[in-house]
Amino acid sequence: MAVNAGLVLQILGVATGVIGAAVCLGYGLWRFLGLALGAAWTALGPRTPGTPDPRVGSYGGTEPGQPAYWARQMWIDAVAAARAAAHTVRYLLVHHWLDEIVRHRLLSGRNGSTGDRAEHVLGRLLLRLLAPATALAALLSALLSCVLLLGIALAFAAQLLLVSGVALAGVLAGRSAERLWKLARGIRMKCPYPGCYRPFPLAVHICPGCGAAHRELRPGRYGALRHVCRCGRALPTTALAGRRKLTARCPHCDQGLPPAVGTTRVVHVPLIGGTSAGKTMLMAAMLDGLRAWSHESALTVEFASPADRREANTLGRQVESTGWALKTQGGQPRALMLLVGRGHGRLRLLRRQRLLYLYDPMGESLRDADTTRRQEYLAHADGVLLVADVLASPAVRRTLRGGDGQLAVAARPADLGPVETYAGFTGELQGLGGRRRRLGVAAVVTKRDVLDRLDSLPRPEGGAVDAWLAEIGLGELVRALGHDFAAARYWAVSAHAATGAGALASEQRRAAEPVLWLLSRTGLRIGGAAAAAEEPRLPRLPRPRGRTGRTAADRSSL
């Protein structure tokens, strides 16, 4: 009886396919899939505790922080898991099934599971006949597991993209919220130090743990809510989350900034006047006046930094010991920074406050266009405080008779009159900032104690100081200020009467009214103080807060 070889081969082929499919679906596929997923899970987990993980990159670049997990490490781990799964499938197919089980065991007549050699020849033949089915099962298991793993990988990648999208949305939301908050409060950060005065979007924040400088401490690729410093300390990324509590430095000149920078609107007010016009004395009087207002109103005043406190204390001691403030020295001035606000809300970020930058430049620095152009802080001015020494005006000096001339000389008049001083800097102010028509100017006539003793001039009675200036021959200045600025107010102040041991409280308050009026134009109104500043013709003192007959609490840290 002849044997049909084709039929035998067909039967063997069918049997091989059936056995291979059965082994694949019954065991091989799940074995491949289980081991591959286990390898991927192991790759996602931590390595040996206490040893460095080679997948975690070192702290590189200028920012001493580790990128957020979702920004970088998440994708590194996902790729490592995919590689581990692919490597496991390849190893199982090539080395374990095809090489070890099929080649070295089944084709050699050995048991595929134990490796024991079959004793009977028929058993060895049967094992050799199972080798093709086992190889087919291995190939089908590898192929199907790769398809399933690819689907799992795509689903996992979609989840990672979703996580990244949520994280990026959190970053955008955090940045947008802080930006809108700053826009609503008019917060623009600028350096107060000479030679810099540059604006910056974000200060450099110092880690309190190791002193590392973080230049990107905001929602971003290093974290949406917090950044982890190289020392392991978590740092908040927004002012609302507590970033303002960290030490801040200017990103351009690397000098320390007050804590209020970045959370409080900055108001820049330069004091403009000639040499010996009384700018520094007026600043000392304004500090005493702000403290006096804080005794009787909702006004709060405090120094922005210890350096500002030391500078103000030095100025106060000079005035008390000599009766005069020393002439301003040096080139560009450092701003004296004060936190001026209203009320005592528990949340500082929600209180009405302004970070006041007061600039007291040398009179010589505003004489001509070249020196004025170097005063870069003028480009940021939110108002101008013009210090007018009328005794330096040639038109006024010509009207003095008798001993009035000697009194004027003893008062140390400025080197330039108010008209000449203003003419020297106003054009450059427009060129630097381009905002002169939107600013307010507070014109303060100084040395009122001397003016009251002159018989040759009418006295600046009441609040109509602008009319008095026109009467003594300075109407040109009044017209120029009214034309060049959005608003102009006038005061006559005696800085000597407002400073020292025998200072008059009323004169102190009058000395502070110009700066309070400029602050009120930025939206900071201090009740009675602002009302008095806005109407210098009819000054009113605010009623003390609390019960009648009792003095209100001191709200000043000056």
Protein backbone atom coordinates (compact mmCIF):
# COMPACT_ATOMS: atom_id res chain seq x y z
CA MET A 1 0.00 0.00 0.00
CA ALA A 2 1.57 3.22 -1.14
CA VAL A 3 1.83 6.14 1.24
CA ASN A 4 0.67 9.46 -0.10
CA ALA A 5 3.52 11.79 0.97
CA GLY A 6 1.58 14.91 0.11
CA LEU A 7 -1.29 13.88 2.29
CA VAL A 8 1.09 13.14 5.16
CA LEU A 9 2.73 16.52 4.82
CA GLN A 10 -0.67 18.18 4.70
CA ILE A 11 -1.73 16.35 7.86
CA LEU A 12 1.51 17.28 9.57
CA GLY A 13 1.07 20.91 8.49
CA VAL A 14 -2.47 21.09 9.80
CA ALA A 15 -1.43 19.41 13.01
CA THR A 16 1.49 21.80 13.38
CA GLY A 17 -0.77 24.80 12.85
CA VAL A 18 -3.41 23.53 15.25
CA ILE A 19 -0.88 22.64 17.93
CA GLY A 20 1.00 25.93 17.43
CA ALA A 21 -2.20 27.98 17.69
CA ALA A 22 -3.31 26.00 20.74
CA VAL A 23 0.04 26.46 22.48
CA CYS A 24 0.04 30.15 21.55
CA LEU A 25 -3.45 30.93 22.79
CA GLY A 26 -3.32 28.58 25.73
CA TYR A 27 0.12 29.43 27.07
CA GLY A 28 2.66 31.20 24.89
CA LEU A 29 0.82 34.49 24.29
CA TRP A 30 0.08 35.03 27.95
CA ARG A 31 3.58 34.02 28.91
CA PHE A 32 5.08 36.56 26.50
CA LEU A 33 2.60 39.25 27.50
CA GLY A 34 2.95 38.68 31.23
CA LEU A 35 6.74 38.70 31.26
CA ALA A 36 6.87 41.77 28.97
CA LEU A 37 4.46 43.76 31.16
CA GLY A 38 6.34 42.66 34.25
CA ALA A 39 9.58 43.91 32.77
CA ALA A 40 7.94 47.21 31.82
CA TRP A 41 6.57 47.60 35.35
CA THR A 42 9.97 46.86 36.84
CA ALA A 43 11.53 49.46 34.54
CA LEU A 44 9.03 52.08 35.73
CA GLY A 45 9.82 51.40 39.37
CA PRO A 46 12.88 52.56 41.31
CA ARG A 47 16.18 50.79 41.05
CA THR A 48 18.06 49.40 44.03
CA PRO A 49 17.31 51.63 47.06
CA GLY A 50 20.24 53.74 48.13
CA THR A 51 21.96 53.64 44.76
CA PRO A 52 21.87 56.28 42.00
CA ASP A 53 19.33 55.76 39.25
CA PRO A 54 21.06 56.18 35.88
CA ARG A 55 17.80 57.28 34.29
CA VAL A 56 17.64 60.42 36.45
CA GLY A 57 19.72 63.17 34.91
CA SER A 58 21.97 65.47 36.91
CA TYR A 59 21.22 69.12 37.69
CA GLY A 60 22.58 70.85 34.64
CA GLY A 61 22.34 74.33 33.18
CA THR A 62 22.05 77.62 35.02
CA GLU A 63 18.87 76.70 36.88
CA PRO A 64 19.65 74.65 40.02
CA GLY A 65 16.43 72.67 39.81
CA GLN A 66 15.31 69.31 38.54
CA PRO A 67 12.83 69.47 35.65
CA ALA A 68 9.35 68.38 36.61
CA TYR A 69 8.61 64.67 36.22
CA TRP A 70 6.02 65.32 33.54
CA ALA A 71 8.36 67.56 31.57
CA ARG A 72 11.19 65.08 31.05
CA GLN A 73 11.55 62.09 33.34
CA MET A 74 8.08 60.76 32.60
CA TRP A 75 8.99 60.25 28.94
CA ILE A 76 12.38 58.77 29.83
CA ASP A 77 10.68 56.22 32.07
CA ALA A 78 8.06 55.45 29.41
CA VAL A 79 10.76 54.81 26.79
CA ALA A 80 12.68 52.67 29.28
CA ALA A 81 9.53 50.61 29.96
CA ALA A 82 8.87 50.15 26.23
CA ARG A 83 12.46 49.07 25.65
CA ALA A 84 12.28 46.64 28.55
CA ALA A 85 9.09 45.08 27.16
CA ALA A 86 10.50 44.83 23.62
CA HIS A 87 13.75 43.36 24.92
CA THR A 88 11.81 40.77 26.92
CA VAL A 89 9.76 39.68 23.89
CA ARG A 90 12.88 39.39 21.76
CA TYR A 91 14.74 37.46 24.42
CA LEU A 92 11.84 35.05 24.94
CA LEU A 93 11.44 34.46 21.21
CA VAL A 94 15.06 34.16 20.10
CA HIS A 95 16.91 32.81 23.11
CA HIS A 96 14.35 31.01 25.25
CA TRP A 97 11.88 29.47 22.78
CA LEU A 98 13.65 29.11 19.44
CA ASP A 99 17.17 28.52 20.70
CA GLU A 100 16.73 26.80 24.06
CA ILE A 101 13.38 24.95 23.79
CA VAL A 102 13.17 24.20 20.05
CA ARG A 103 16.79 23.80 19.01
CA HIS A 104 18.54 22.44 22.07
CA ARG A 105 15.67 20.45 23.58
CA LEU A 106 12.92 19.35 21.18
CA LEU A 107 15.10 18.77 18.14
CA SER A 108 17.46 16.81 20.37
CA GLY A 109 14.65 14.61 21.64
CA ARG A 110 14.54 16.23 25.03
CA ASN A 111 11.55 17.42 27.04
CA GLY A 112 10.82 21.03 26.30
CA SER A 113 10.08 21.90 29.90
CA THR A 114 12.65 19.86 31.86
CA GLY A 115 15.28 19.16 29.25
CA ASP A 116 15.27 15.43 30.08
CA ARG A 117 16.05 13.11 27.14
CA ALA A 118 13.26 10.74 26.13
CA GLU A 119 14.19 7.09 26.68
CA HIS A 120 12.20 5.59 23.78
CA VAL A 121 12.89 6.33 20.15
CA LEU A 122 9.23 7.02 19.47
CA GLY A 123 9.20 9.59 22.26
CA ARG A 124 12.22 11.34 20.77
CA LEU A 125 10.54 11.29 17.36
CA LEU A 126 7.37 12.77 18.77
CA LEU A 127 9.33 15.56 20.45
CA ARG A 128 11.10 16.32 17.19
CA LEU A 129 7.74 16.46 15.42
CA LEU A 130 6.50 18.97 18.04
CA ALA A 131 9.44 21.31 17.39
CA PRO A 132 7.88 23.07 14.36
CA ALA A 133 4.58 23.55 16.22
CA THR A 134 6.45 25.00 19.20
CA ALA A 135 8.43 27.34 16.96
CA LEU A 136 5.20 28.41 15.30
CA ALA A 137 3.62 28.93 18.72
CA ALA A 138 6.60 31.09 19.72
CA LEU A 139 6.37 33.20 16.57
CA LEU A 140 2.61 33.66 16.92
CA SER A 141 2.94 34.49 20.62
CA ALA A 142 5.64 37.07 19.91
CA LEU A 143 3.66 38.62 17.08
CA LEU A 144 0.36 38.81 18.96
CA SER A 145 2.03 40.05 22.14
CA CYS A 146 3.76 42.80 20.15
CA VAL A 147 0.41 43.85 18.71
CA LEU A 148 -1.20 43.91 22.16
CA LEU A 149 1.81 45.67 23.71
CA LEU A 150 1.71 48.26 20.92
CA GLY A 151 -1.94 48.94 21.72
CA ILE A 152 -1.12 49.21 25.43
CA ALA A 153 1.79 51.52 24.61
CA LEU A 154 -0.42 53.77 22.49
CA ALA A 155 -3.04 53.93 25.25
CA PHE A 156 -0.30 54.68 27.80
CA ALA A 157 1.18 57.37 25.52
CA ALA A 158 -2.26 58.94 25.22
CA GLN A 159 -2.48 59.04 29.01
CA LEU A 160 0.97 60.61 29.22
CA LEU A 161 -0.05 63.23 26.67
CA LEU A 162 -3.13 63.91 28.75
CA VAL A 163 -1.00 64.29 31.87
CA SER A 164 1.37 66.60 29.98
CA GLY A 165 -1.59 68.60 28.69
CA VAL A 166 -3.03 68.97 32.18
CA ALA A 167 0.39 69.99 33.52
CA LEU A 168 0.90 72.52 30.72
CA ALA A 169 -2.60 73.84 31.33
CA GLY A 170 -1.65 74.24 34.99
CA VAL A 171 1.52 76.09 33.97
CA LEU A 172 -0.39 78.40 31.63
CA ALA A 173 -3.09 78.94 34.24
CA GLY A 174 -0.51 79.77 36.91
CA ARG A 175 1.37 82.18 34.69
CA SER A 176 -1.80 83.76 33.35
CA ALA A 177 -3.30 84.17 36.81
CA GLU A 178 -0.17 85.87 38.11
CA ARG A 179 0.14 88.04 35.00
CA LEU A 180 -3.49 89.14 35.20
CA TRP A 181 -3.08 89.77 38.91
CA LYS A 182 -0.04 91.96 38.24
CA LEU A 183 -1.81 93.80 35.43
CA ALA A 184 -4.84 94.43 37.62
CA ARG A 185 -2.63 95.82 40.38
CA GLY A 186 -0.31 97.69 38.01
CA ILE A 187 2.78 95.79 39.18
CA ARG A 188 5.87 96.35 37.08
CA MET A 189 9.22 95.40 38.55
CA LYS A 190 12.19 97.72 38.18
CA CYS A 191 15.56 97.84 39.88
CA PRO A 192 16.06 100.74 42.35
CA TYR A 193 19.87 100.76 42.24
CA PRO A 194 22.17 103.27 40.51
CA GLY A 195 23.63 102.13 37.24
CA CYS A 196 20.82 99.65 36.68
CA TYR A 197 17.22 100.96 37.01
CA ARG A 198 16.28 98.25 34.50
CA PRO A 199 12.89 96.56 34.37
CA PHE A 200 12.67 92.80 34.68
CA PRO A 201 9.80 90.31 34.44
CA LEU A 202 11.06 88.02 37.21
CA ALA A 203 13.52 88.47 40.05
CA VAL A 204 16.20 85.97 41.01
CA HIS A 205 15.07 84.06 44.10
CA ILE A 206 17.49 82.54 46.59
CA CYS A 207 16.90 79.10 48.07
CA PRO A 208 16.85 79.41 51.88
CA GLY A 209 18.36 75.93 52.18
CA CYS A 210 21.53 76.13 50.09
CA GLY A 211 21.63 79.69 48.74
CA ALA A 212 21.26 78.65 45.10
CA ALA A 213 19.97 81.35 42.75
CA HIS A 214 16.78 80.41 40.88
CA ARG A 215 16.15 82.55 37.81
CA GLU A 216 13.09 80.65 36.58
CA LEU A 217 11.04 80.34 39.77
CA ARG A 218 7.66 80.45 38.08
CA PRO A 219 5.29 77.83 36.63
CA GLY A 220 7.18 76.07 33.86
CA ARG A 221 9.13 72.97 32.96
CA TYR A 222 10.64 72.82 36.44
CA GLY A 223 7.20 72.52 38.00
CA ALA A 224 3.78 74.12 37.94
CA LEU A 225 3.23 74.67 41.66
CA ARG A 226 6.73 74.29 43.03
CA HIS A 227 10.34 73.76 42.00
CA VAL A 228 12.62 71.31 43.73
CA CYS A 229 16.04 72.81 44.40
CA ARG A 230 19.19 70.72 44.10
CA CYS A 231 19.28 70.60 47.90
CA GLY A 232 15.84 68.95 47.93
CA ARG A 233 13.86 71.94 49.21
CA ALA A 234 10.54 72.67 47.50
CA LEU A 235 10.14 76.32 46.47
CA PRO A 236 6.77 77.96 45.58
CA THR A 237 6.49 79.23 42.04
CA THR A 238 4.04 82.13 42.45
CA ALA A 239 3.69 85.11 44.73
CA LEU A 240 0.25 83.90 45.76
CA ALA A 241 1.79 80.59 46.89
CA GLY A 242 4.47 82.24 49.02
CA ARG A 243 7.34 83.07 46.66
CA ARG A 244 7.48 86.60 48.07
CA LYS A 245 8.91 85.18 51.32
CA LEU A 246 12.12 84.22 49.53
CA THR A 247 15.08 86.56 49.24
CA ALA A 248 15.02 88.26 45.84
CA ARG A 249 17.80 89.84 43.78
CA CYS A 250 17.90 91.90 40.60
CA PRO A 251 18.65 89.66 37.58
CA HIS A 252 20.78 92.41 36.03
CA CYS A 253 22.93 93.83 38.84
CA ASP A 254 22.48 91.00 41.40
CA GLN A 255 21.65 93.38 44.26
CA GLY A 256 19.07 92.61 46.91
CA LEU A 257 15.45 93.64 46.38
CA PRO A 258 12.81 94.34 49.02
CA PRO A 259 10.25 91.58 49.62
CA ALA A 260 7.46 93.77 48.24
CA VAL A 261 8.95 93.79 44.74
CA GLY A 262 6.77 91.61 42.56
CA THR A 263 3.71 91.80 44.83
CA THR A 264 3.18 95.56 45.17
CA ARG A 265 2.79 98.27 42.59
CA VAL A 266 5.89 100.46 42.39
CA VAL A 267 5.48 104.24 42.24
CA HIS A 268 8.58 106.14 41.12
CA VAL A 269 8.80 109.74 42.32
CA PRO A 270 11.97 111.74 41.61
CA LEU A 271 12.64 114.95 43.54
CA ILE A 272 13.74 117.54 41.00
CA GLY A 273 15.51 120.71 42.08
CA GLY A 274 18.73 122.63 41.87
CA THR A 275 21.69 122.31 44.20
CA SER A 276 20.73 123.55 47.72
CA ALA A 277 17.05 123.81 46.74
CA GLY A 278 16.18 121.74 49.81
CA LYS A 279 15.41 118.36 48.25
CA THR A 280 17.04 116.23 50.96
CA MET A 281 15.56 118.37 53.75
CA LEU A 282 12.16 118.01 52.13
CA MET A 283 12.61 114.23 51.96
CA ALA A 284 13.38 114.15 55.69
CA ALA A 285 10.28 116.27 56.31
CA MET A 286 8.17 113.95 54.15
CA LEU A 287 9.28 110.93 56.16
CA ASP A 288 8.26 112.67 59.39
CA GLY A 289 5.05 113.79 57.74
CA LEU A 290 4.10 110.29 56.62
CA ARG A 291 4.65 109.10 60.17
CA ALA A 292 2.45 111.94 61.46
CA TRP A 293 -0.33 111.03 59.02
CA SER A 294 -0.14 107.39 60.13
CA HIS A 295 -0.94 108.52 63.70
CA GLU A 296 -4.24 110.06 62.67
CA SER A 297 -5.53 108.10 59.69
CA ALA A 298 -5.65 104.67 58.08
CA LEU A 299 -2.25 105.32 56.48
CA THR A 300 0.42 102.66 57.01
CA VAL A 301 4.09 103.37 56.35
CA GLU A 302 7.08 101.09 56.70
CA PHE A 303 10.53 100.79 55.26
CA ALA A 304 10.85 98.33 52.42
CA SER A 305 14.20 96.96 53.64
CA PRO A 306 16.69 97.37 56.50
CA ALA A 307 18.95 99.37 54.18
CA ASP A 308 16.19 101.96 53.70
CA ARG A 309 15.71 102.19 57.47
CA ARG A 310 19.44 102.79 57.98
CA GLU A 311 19.50 105.45 55.26
CA ALA A 312 16.52 107.28 56.76
CA ASN A 313 17.94 107.06 60.28
CA THR A 314 21.24 108.51 59.09
CA LEU A 315 19.38 111.37 57.43
CA GLY A 316 17.34 111.99 60.60
CA ARG A 317 20.46 112.13 62.78
CA GLN A 318 22.08 114.61 60.40
CA VAL A 319 19.11 116.94 60.56
CA GLU A 320 18.78 116.69 64.34
CA SER A 321 22.49 117.32 65.00
CA THR A 322 23.19 120.11 62.50
CA GLY A 323 19.77 121.41 61.49
CA TRP A 324 20.66 120.74 57.85
CA ALA A 325 20.85 117.72 55.61
CA LEU A 326 24.19 117.12 53.93
CA LYS A 327 24.41 117.81 50.23
CA THR A 328 23.58 114.82 48.06
CA GLN A 329 26.79 113.20 46.81
CA GLY A 330 27.64 110.64 44.18
CA GLY A 331 26.22 110.02 40.74
CA GLN A 332 22.89 108.35 40.18
CA PRO A 333 20.79 108.06 43.35
CA ARG A 334 19.62 104.89 45.02
CA ALA A 335 15.87 104.98 45.57
CA LEU A 336 14.67 105.26 49.16
CA MET A 337 11.91 102.66 49.28
CA LEU A 338 8.81 102.86 51.47
CA LEU A 339 5.74 100.67 51.69
CA VAL A 340 2.77 103.01 51.89
CA GLY A 341 -0.69 101.57 52.25
CA ARG A 342 -4.12 101.74 53.75
CA GLY A 343 -5.49 99.49 56.49
CA HIS A 344 -4.10 96.38 58.10
CA GLY A 345 -5.62 93.46 56.22
CA ARG A 346 -4.29 90.07 57.23
CA LEU A 347 -3.46 89.17 53.66
CA ARG A 348 -0.71 91.53 52.53
CA LEU A 349 -1.28 90.59 48.89
CA LEU A 350 -4.86 91.88 49.06
CA ARG A 351 -4.09 95.12 50.90
CA ARG A 352 -3.95 98.46 49.12
CA GLN A 353 -0.27 99.27 49.08
CA ARG A 354 2.33 101.02 47.00
CA LEU A 355 6.07 100.51 46.99
CA LEU A 356 7.26 104.11 46.83
CA TYR A 357 10.65 104.78 45.20
CA LEU A 358 11.90 108.25 46.18
CA TYR A 359 14.88 109.48 44.16
CA ASP A 360 16.99 112.37 45.49
CA PRO A 361 19.51 113.18 42.74
CA MET A 362 22.23 115.79 42.91
CA GLY A 363 21.18 119.15 41.56
CA GLU A 364 24.17 119.08 39.23
CA SER A 365 22.88 115.91 37.56
CA LEU A 366 19.92 117.79 36.05
CA ARG A 367 21.66 120.86 34.69
CA ASP A 368 21.86 119.88 31.04
CA ALA A 369 20.63 117.31 28.55
CA ASP A 370 23.68 115.02 28.80
CA THR A 371 23.62 114.60 32.58
CA THR A 372 19.84 114.40 32.67
CA ARG A 373 19.85 111.67 30.05
CA ARG A 374 21.95 109.54 32.38
CA GLN A 375 19.21 109.62 35.02
CA GLU A 376 17.51 106.53 33.63
CA TYR A 377 15.03 106.31 36.51
CA LEU A 378 13.20 109.29 35.00
CA ALA A 379 11.88 106.92 32.31
CA HIS A 380 9.90 105.08 35.00
CA ALA A 381 8.53 108.16 36.80
CA ASP A 382 4.89 107.97 37.90
CA GLY A 383 4.92 111.56 39.07
CA VAL A 384 7.37 114.40 39.61
CA LEU A 385 8.01 116.32 42.80
CA LEU A 386 9.46 119.68 41.74
CA VAL A 387 11.35 121.38 44.57
CA ALA A 388 11.19 125.12 43.90
CA ASP A 389 13.53 127.48 45.73
CA VAL A 390 12.07 130.84 44.69
CA LEU A 391 14.92 132.66 46.45
CA ALA A 392 17.21 131.44 43.64
CA SER A 393 15.08 133.10 40.96
CA PRO A 394 16.70 136.28 39.53
CA ALA A 395 13.26 137.85 39.15
CA VAL A 396 12.52 137.33 42.85
CA ARG A 397 15.98 138.42 44.00
CA ARG A 398 15.59 141.74 42.18
CA THR A 399 12.48 142.57 44.20
CA LEU A 400 14.17 142.13 47.59
CA ARG A 401 14.80 145.33 49.58
CA GLY A 402 16.79 146.18 52.66
CA GLY A 403 17.74 143.28 54.88
CA ASP A 404 15.66 140.82 52.90
CA GLY A 405 18.62 140.24 50.57
CA GLN A 406 20.81 139.18 53.49
CA LEU A 407 18.10 136.83 54.74
CA ALA A 408 17.88 135.26 51.29
CA VAL A 409 21.65 134.73 51.14
CA ALA A 410 21.66 133.19 54.62
CA ALA A 411 19.02 130.71 53.46
CA ARG A 412 21.53 129.21 51.02
CA PRO A 413 19.57 129.64 47.78
CA ALA A 414 19.92 127.09 45.01
CA ASP A 415 22.36 127.57 42.18
CA LEU A 416 19.52 127.71 39.63
CA GLY A 417 16.06 129.19 39.84
CA PRO A 418 12.92 127.04 39.51
CA VAL A 419 12.30 128.10 35.91
CA GLU A 420 15.85 127.29 34.84
CA THR A 421 15.81 123.98 36.74
CA TYR A 422 12.57 122.89 35.14
CA ALA A 423 13.65 123.97 31.66
CA GLY A 424 16.83 121.90 32.01
CA PHE A 425 15.17 118.56 32.64
CA THR A 426 11.64 118.65 31.23
CA GLY A 427 12.60 117.92 27.64
CA GLU A 428 14.74 114.94 28.62
CA LEU A 429 11.96 113.66 30.87
CA GLN A 430 9.69 113.53 27.84
CA GLY A 431 12.41 111.86 25.80
CA LEU A 432 13.20 109.22 28.43
CA GLY A 433 9.69 108.25 29.37
CA GLY A 434 7.42 109.72 26.72
CA ARG A 435 4.66 109.89 29.36
CA ARG A 436 4.92 113.43 30.66
CA ARG A 437 1.42 114.35 29.54
CA ARG A 438 0.04 111.52 31.69
CA LEU A 439 1.96 112.38 34.85
CA GLY A 440 1.17 114.64 37.76
CA VAL A 441 3.60 117.20 39.13
CA ALA A 442 3.65 118.33 42.75
CA ALA A 443 5.43 121.68 42.96
CA VAL A 444 6.72 122.37 46.47
CA VAL A 445 8.04 125.81 47.40
CA THR A 446 10.67 125.24 50.07
CA LYS A 447 12.15 127.50 52.78
CA ARG A 448 8.75 128.86 53.73
CA ASP A 449 10.11 129.88 57.16
CA VAL A 450 12.42 132.35 55.40
CA LEU A 451 9.75 133.53 52.96
CA ASP A 452 7.44 134.45 55.87
CA ARG A 453 10.13 136.80 57.22
CA LEU A 454 10.62 138.74 53.99
CA ASP A 455 8.81 142.08 53.84
CA SER A 456 9.60 142.59 50.16
CA LEU A 457 7.45 139.64 49.05
CA PRO A 458 3.84 138.78 49.71
CA ARG A 459 3.48 135.77 51.97
CA PRO A 460 2.15 132.48 50.57
CA GLU A 461 -1.01 132.61 52.68
CA GLY A 462 -3.63 129.85 52.42
CA GLY A 463 -3.42 127.26 49.72
CA ALA A 464 -3.27 129.35 46.53
CA VAL A 465 0.46 128.80 46.05
CA ASP A 466 0.18 128.86 42.26
CA ALA A 467 -1.40 132.31 42.37
CA TRP A 468 1.32 133.47 44.76
CA LEU A 469 4.02 132.19 42.37
CA ALA A 470 2.45 134.17 39.55
CA GLU A 471 2.30 137.26 41.79
CA ILE A 472 6.03 137.19 42.58
CA GLY A 473 6.98 136.81 38.90
CA LEU A 474 7.03 133.03 38.38
CA GLY A 475 3.84 132.77 36.37
CA GLU A 476 5.84 131.29 33.51
CA LEU A 477 6.63 128.25 35.65
CA VAL A 478 2.98 127.81 36.64
CA ARG A 479 1.85 127.99 33.01
CA ALA A 480 4.54 125.54 31.89
CA LEU A 481 3.62 122.97 34.53
CA GLY A 482 -0.06 123.27 33.73
CA HIS A 483 0.63 122.79 30.04
CA ASP A 484 3.19 119.98 30.20
CA PHE A 485 1.62 117.70 32.82
CA ALA A 486 -1.75 116.07 33.23
CA ALA A 487 -2.24 117.71 36.65
CA ALA A 488 -0.30 120.13 38.82
CA ARG A 489 -0.64 120.97 42.53
CA TYR A 490 1.31 123.44 44.62
CA TRP A 491 2.47 123.59 48.22
CA ALA A 492 4.68 125.86 50.34
CA VAL A 493 6.60 123.99 53.04
CA SER A 494 9.17 124.74 55.71
CA ALA A 495 11.33 121.64 56.04
CA HIS A 496 13.04 123.16 59.09
CA ALA A 497 9.72 123.53 60.87
CA ALA A 498 8.79 119.94 59.98
CA THR A 499 11.99 118.26 61.24
CA GLY A 500 14.01 118.14 64.41
CA ALA A 501 13.03 118.13 68.07
CA GLY A 502 10.63 121.09 67.88
CA ALA A 503 8.90 120.06 64.67
CA LEU A 504 5.35 121.23 64.08
CA ALA A 505 2.92 118.38 63.41
CA SER A 506 0.89 120.53 61.02
CA GLU A 507 3.98 121.35 58.96
CA GLN A 508 5.01 117.70 58.94
CA ARG A 509 1.65 116.71 57.53
CA ARG A 510 1.84 119.47 54.95
CA ALA A 511 5.28 118.22 53.87
CA ALA A 512 3.86 114.76 53.19
CA GLU A 513 0.79 115.97 51.28
CA PRO A 514 2.58 116.27 47.89
CA VAL A 515 3.68 112.64 47.86
CA LEU A 516 0.27 111.51 49.15
CA TRP A 517 -1.36 113.38 46.28
CA LEU A 518 0.93 111.67 43.76
CA LEU A 519 0.09 108.31 45.35
CA SER A 520 -3.63 109.09 45.16
CA ARG A 521 -3.25 109.49 41.38
CA THR A 522 -2.17 105.83 41.26
CA GLY A 523 -5.38 104.76 43.02
CA LEU A 524 -4.12 104.70 46.61
CA ARG A 525 -6.46 106.94 48.60
CA ILE A 526 -5.89 107.23 52.31
CA GLY A 527 -9.18 108.81 53.39
CA GLY A 528 -8.60 112.14 55.06
CA ALA A 529 -4.96 112.29 54.08
CA ALA A 530 -5.76 111.93 50.40
CA ALA A 531 -8.59 114.43 50.66
CA ALA A 532 -6.27 116.98 52.21
CA ALA A 533 -3.64 116.34 49.58
CA GLU A 534 -6.08 116.68 46.71
CA GLU A 535 -7.39 120.03 47.91
CA PRO A 536 -4.37 122.03 49.11
CA ARG A 537 -6.48 125.20 49.13
CA LEU A 538 -8.64 123.87 51.95
CA PRO A 539 -6.45 121.46 53.94
CA ARG A 540 -8.29 119.21 56.30
CA LEU A 541 -6.83 116.94 58.91
CA PRO A 542 -8.40 113.50 59.27
CA ARG A 543 -10.25 112.67 62.42
CA PRO A 544 -8.39 110.29 64.74
CA ARG A 545 -9.56 106.73 64.48
CA GLY A 546 -11.07 105.20 67.59
CA ARG A 547 -12.91 106.89 70.46
CA THR A 548 -13.06 110.63 70.81
CA GLY A 549 -10.19 112.07 72.78
CA ARG A 550 -7.89 109.14 72.14
CA THR A 551 -5.00 109.11 69.71
CA ALA A 552 -5.17 106.55 66.96
CA ALA A 553 -2.65 103.73 66.97
CA ASP A 554 0.71 104.39 65.32
CA ARG A 555 0.56 102.61 61.97
CA SER A 556 4.08 103.51 60.95
CA SER A 557 7.29 101.57 61.28
CA LEU A 558 9.41 104.59 60.36
